[in-house]
Amino acid sequence: MRLLGLSCGPVDGSSEILLKAALQAAEESGVEVVHVRLGDLRLSGAPPVPGHAPDDDAPWFWDTLMESDAFVISTSIYNRTVPG
């Protein structure tokens, strides 16, 4: 089983600390884990150009999502409301 942890908050913030704890517990149970910080990805949003290699992380990220059996999304909560 492969678990993707997607961190959307500040680096080493509370939400990421909790995500790391969850991923560590899963890894100790024998689950393969991958931790990705959304802010570290280069995502241009531009459509792919036929015949040219992509200039961002979108293909890698898509493959990582599709190869994962489950994922945990960690994000900060401000003012007790749903994050944007």
N, C-alpha and C. Protein backbone atom coordinates (compact mmCIF):
# COMPACT_ATOMS: atom_id res chain seq x y z
N MET A 1 0.84 -1.18 0.00
CA MET A 1 0.00 0.00 0.00
C MET A 1 0.89 1.24 0.00
N ARG A 2 0.43 2.25 -0.72
CA ARG A 2 1.19 3.50 -0.81
C ARG A 2 0.30 4.65 -0.35
N LEU A 3 0.82 5.46 0.59
CA LEU A 3 0.09 6.58 1.17
C LEU A 3 0.80 7.88 0.81
N LEU A 4 0.05 8.81 0.24
CA LEU A 4 0.58 10.12 -0.10
C LEU A 4 0.15 11.12 0.96
N GLY A 5 1.11 11.82 1.55
CA GLY A 5 0.82 12.90 2.47
C GLY A 5 1.06 14.21 1.76
N LEU A 6 0.01 15.01 1.61
CA LEU A 6 0.10 16.28 0.90
C LEU A 6 0.02 17.42 1.91
N SER A 7 1.13 18.13 2.05
CA SER A 7 1.23 19.22 3.01
C SER A 7 0.95 20.54 2.33
N CYS A 8 -0.06 21.27 2.79
CA CYS A 8 -0.46 22.53 2.17
C CYS A 8 -0.26 23.72 3.09
N GLY A 9 0.30 23.51 4.25
CA GLY A 9 0.50 24.60 5.20
C GLY A 9 1.95 25.04 5.26
N PRO A 10 2.28 25.85 6.24
CA PRO A 10 3.65 26.32 6.39
C PRO A 10 4.61 25.17 6.69
N VAL A 11 5.84 25.31 6.19
CA VAL A 11 6.87 24.30 6.45
C VAL A 11 7.09 24.21 7.96
N ASP A 12 7.02 23.00 8.49
CA ASP A 12 7.18 22.72 9.91
C ASP A 12 6.15 23.42 10.79
N GLY A 13 5.02 23.79 10.21
CA GLY A 13 3.92 24.34 11.00
C GLY A 13 3.17 23.21 11.69
N SER A 14 2.20 23.56 12.49
CA SER A 14 1.44 22.55 13.26
C SER A 14 0.82 21.49 12.38
N SER A 15 0.23 21.91 11.26
CA SER A 15 -0.43 20.93 10.40
C SER A 15 0.58 19.96 9.78
N GLU A 16 1.77 20.47 9.45
CA GLU A 16 2.78 19.58 8.87
C GLU A 16 3.36 18.64 9.94
N ILE A 17 3.50 19.12 11.15
CA ILE A 17 3.99 18.26 12.23
C ILE A 17 3.03 17.09 12.44
N LEU A 18 1.73 17.37 12.42
CA LEU A 18 0.74 16.30 12.58
C LEU A 18 0.76 15.34 11.39
N LEU A 19 0.94 15.88 10.19
CA LEU A 19 1.02 15.03 9.01
C LEU A 19 2.22 14.10 9.11
N LYS A 20 3.37 14.64 9.51
CA LYS A 20 4.58 13.81 9.64
C LYS A 20 4.37 12.70 10.66
N ALA A 21 3.68 12.99 11.74
CA ALA A 21 3.40 11.96 12.76
C ALA A 21 2.52 10.86 12.17
N ALA A 22 1.51 11.25 11.40
CA ALA A 22 0.62 10.25 10.78
C ALA A 22 1.38 9.40 9.77
N LEU A 23 2.22 10.04 8.96
CA LEU A 23 3.00 9.30 7.97
C LEU A 23 4.00 8.36 8.64
N GLN A 24 4.60 8.81 9.73
CA GLN A 24 5.55 7.96 10.44
C GLN A 24 4.85 6.73 11.01
N ALA A 25 3.66 6.92 11.58
CA ALA A 25 2.91 5.78 12.12
C ALA A 25 2.53 4.80 11.01
N ALA A 26 2.15 5.33 9.86
CA ALA A 26 1.80 4.46 8.74
C ALA A 26 3.03 3.70 8.26
N GLU A 27 4.16 4.39 8.18
CA GLU A 27 5.39 3.75 7.73
C GLU A 27 5.83 2.64 8.69
N GLU A 28 5.65 2.86 9.97
CA GLU A 28 5.99 1.83 10.96
C GLU A 28 5.08 0.61 10.85
N SER A 29 3.91 0.81 10.24
CA SER A 29 2.98 -0.31 10.02
C SER A 29 3.24 -1.02 8.71
N GLY A 30 4.28 -0.60 7.98
CA GLY A 30 4.63 -1.26 6.74
C GLY A 30 4.10 -0.61 5.49
N VAL A 31 3.53 0.57 5.61
CA VAL A 31 2.98 1.28 4.46
C VAL A 31 4.09 2.12 3.83
N GLU A 32 4.15 2.12 2.50
CA GLU A 32 5.07 3.01 1.80
C GLU A 32 4.46 4.40 1.81
N VAL A 33 5.22 5.40 2.24
CA VAL A 33 4.69 6.76 2.32
C VAL A 33 5.50 7.71 1.44
N VAL A 34 4.80 8.71 0.94
CA VAL A 34 5.42 9.78 0.17
C VAL A 34 4.89 11.09 0.75
N HIS A 35 5.80 12.01 1.07
CA HIS A 35 5.41 13.31 1.61
C HIS A 35 5.72 14.37 0.57
N VAL A 36 4.71 15.14 0.18
CA VAL A 36 4.87 16.19 -0.82
C VAL A 36 4.37 17.50 -0.21
N ARG A 37 5.18 18.54 -0.34
CA ARG A 37 4.75 19.89 0.05
C ARG A 37 4.23 20.58 -1.21
N LEU A 38 2.98 20.96 -1.17
CA LEU A 38 2.36 21.59 -2.33
C LEU A 38 3.14 22.84 -2.76
N GLY A 39 3.63 23.60 -1.80
CA GLY A 39 4.36 24.82 -2.11
C GLY A 39 5.69 24.58 -2.79
N ASP A 40 6.23 23.37 -2.71
CA ASP A 40 7.51 23.05 -3.34
C ASP A 40 7.36 22.63 -4.80
N LEU A 41 6.14 22.36 -5.24
CA LEU A 41 5.92 21.91 -6.61
C LEU A 41 5.95 23.09 -7.58
N ARG A 42 6.52 22.86 -8.74
CA ARG A 42 6.49 23.85 -9.82
C ARG A 42 5.32 23.47 -10.73
N LEU A 43 4.22 24.19 -10.62
CA LEU A 43 3.04 23.91 -11.42
C LEU A 43 2.68 25.17 -12.20
N SER A 44 2.93 25.15 -13.50
CA SER A 44 2.73 26.36 -14.30
C SER A 44 1.28 26.59 -14.68
N GLY A 45 0.52 25.53 -14.82
CA GLY A 45 -0.86 25.67 -15.26
C GLY A 45 -0.99 25.79 -16.77
N ALA A 46 0.12 25.86 -17.47
CA ALA A 46 0.09 25.97 -18.93
C ALA A 46 -0.24 24.61 -19.54
N PRO A 47 -0.98 24.59 -20.63
CA PRO A 47 -1.29 23.31 -21.28
C PRO A 47 -0.02 22.68 -21.85
N PRO A 48 0.03 21.36 -21.92
CA PRO A 48 1.22 20.69 -22.46
C PRO A 48 1.40 21.02 -23.94
N VAL A 49 2.64 21.12 -24.35
CA VAL A 49 2.97 21.38 -25.76
C VAL A 49 3.37 20.06 -26.39
N PRO A 50 2.65 19.61 -27.41
CA PRO A 50 2.99 18.33 -28.06
C PRO A 50 4.44 18.33 -28.56
N GLY A 51 5.13 17.25 -28.26
CA GLY A 51 6.49 17.08 -28.71
C GLY A 51 7.54 17.71 -27.81
N HIS A 52 7.13 18.35 -26.72
CA HIS A 52 8.07 18.99 -25.80
C HIS A 52 7.89 18.41 -24.40
N ALA A 53 9.00 18.25 -23.71
CA ALA A 53 8.94 17.78 -22.32
C ALA A 53 8.35 18.88 -21.45
N PRO A 54 7.50 18.53 -20.49
CA PRO A 54 6.91 19.54 -19.61
C PRO A 54 8.00 20.24 -18.79
N ASP A 55 7.75 21.50 -18.49
CA ASP A 55 8.72 22.31 -17.75
C ASP A 55 8.31 22.48 -16.30
N ASP A 56 7.47 21.59 -15.79
CA ASP A 56 7.05 21.70 -14.40
C ASP A 56 6.88 20.30 -13.80
N ASP A 57 6.35 20.25 -12.58
CA ASP A 57 6.21 18.98 -11.85
C ASP A 57 4.86 18.32 -12.05
N ALA A 58 4.01 18.87 -12.91
CA ALA A 58 2.65 18.33 -13.07
C ALA A 58 2.63 16.85 -13.45
N PRO A 59 3.41 16.39 -14.44
CA PRO A 59 3.35 14.96 -14.78
C PRO A 59 3.80 14.07 -13.62
N TRP A 60 4.86 14.47 -12.93
CA TRP A 60 5.33 13.68 -11.79
C TRP A 60 4.27 13.64 -10.70
N PHE A 61 3.65 14.80 -10.41
CA PHE A 61 2.65 14.86 -9.36
C PHE A 61 1.43 14.02 -9.73
N TRP A 62 1.01 14.07 -10.98
CA TRP A 62 -0.12 13.27 -11.43
C TRP A 62 0.17 11.78 -11.25
N ASP A 63 1.36 11.35 -11.67
CA ASP A 63 1.74 9.95 -11.52
C ASP A 63 1.76 9.55 -10.05
N THR A 64 2.28 10.42 -9.20
CA THR A 64 2.33 10.14 -7.76
C THR A 64 0.92 9.99 -7.20
N LEU A 65 0.00 10.86 -7.60
CA LEU A 65 -1.39 10.75 -7.16
C LEU A 65 -2.02 9.43 -7.62
N MET A 66 -1.81 9.07 -8.87
CA MET A 66 -2.44 7.89 -9.44
C MET A 66 -1.85 6.59 -8.88
N GLU A 67 -0.59 6.62 -8.45
CA GLU A 67 0.05 5.43 -7.90
C GLU A 67 -0.24 5.24 -6.41
N SER A 68 -0.86 6.23 -5.79
CA SER A 68 -1.15 6.15 -4.35
C SER A 68 -2.49 5.47 -4.12
N ASP A 69 -2.54 4.67 -3.06
CA ASP A 69 -3.78 3.99 -2.69
C ASP A 69 -4.65 4.87 -1.81
N ALA A 70 -4.02 5.79 -1.10
CA ALA A 70 -4.74 6.70 -0.21
C ALA A 70 -3.91 7.95 -0.02
N PHE A 71 -4.55 9.02 0.43
CA PHE A 71 -3.78 10.20 0.74
C PHE A 71 -4.37 10.95 1.91
N VAL A 72 -3.48 11.68 2.59
CA VAL A 72 -3.85 12.53 3.71
C VAL A 72 -3.47 13.94 3.32
N ILE A 73 -4.41 14.87 3.42
CA ILE A 73 -4.13 16.26 3.10
C ILE A 73 -4.09 17.05 4.39
N SER A 74 -3.00 17.77 4.57
CA SER A 74 -2.79 18.55 5.78
C SER A 74 -2.74 20.03 5.40
N THR A 75 -3.58 20.84 6.02
CA THR A 75 -3.59 22.27 5.75
C THR A 75 -3.90 23.05 7.01
N SER A 76 -3.50 24.27 7.03
CA SER A 76 -3.75 25.13 8.19
C SER A 76 -5.20 25.57 8.21
N ILE A 77 -5.67 25.86 9.39
CA ILE A 77 -7.02 26.41 9.56
C ILE A 77 -6.87 27.77 10.22
N TYR A 78 -7.42 28.77 9.59
CA TYR A 78 -7.37 30.12 10.13
C TYR A 78 -8.78 30.55 10.52
N ASN A 79 -8.93 31.10 11.70
CA ASN A 79 -10.21 31.60 12.18
C ASN A 79 -11.32 30.56 12.15
N ARG A 80 -10.94 29.32 12.36
CA ARG A 80 -11.89 28.21 12.46
C ARG A 80 -12.86 28.12 11.28
N THR A 81 -12.30 28.23 10.10
CA THR A 81 -13.11 28.12 8.90
C THR A 81 -12.38 27.23 7.90
N VAL A 82 -13.02 26.88 6.82
CA VAL A 82 -12.43 26.03 5.81
C VAL A 82 -11.39 26.82 5.04
N PRO A 83 -10.17 26.24 4.84
CA PRO A 83 -9.15 26.95 4.08
C PRO A 83 -9.54 27.10 2.62
N GLY A 84 -9.06 28.16 1.99
CA GLY A 84 -9.34 28.41 0.57
C GLY A 84 -8.78 27.32 -0.27
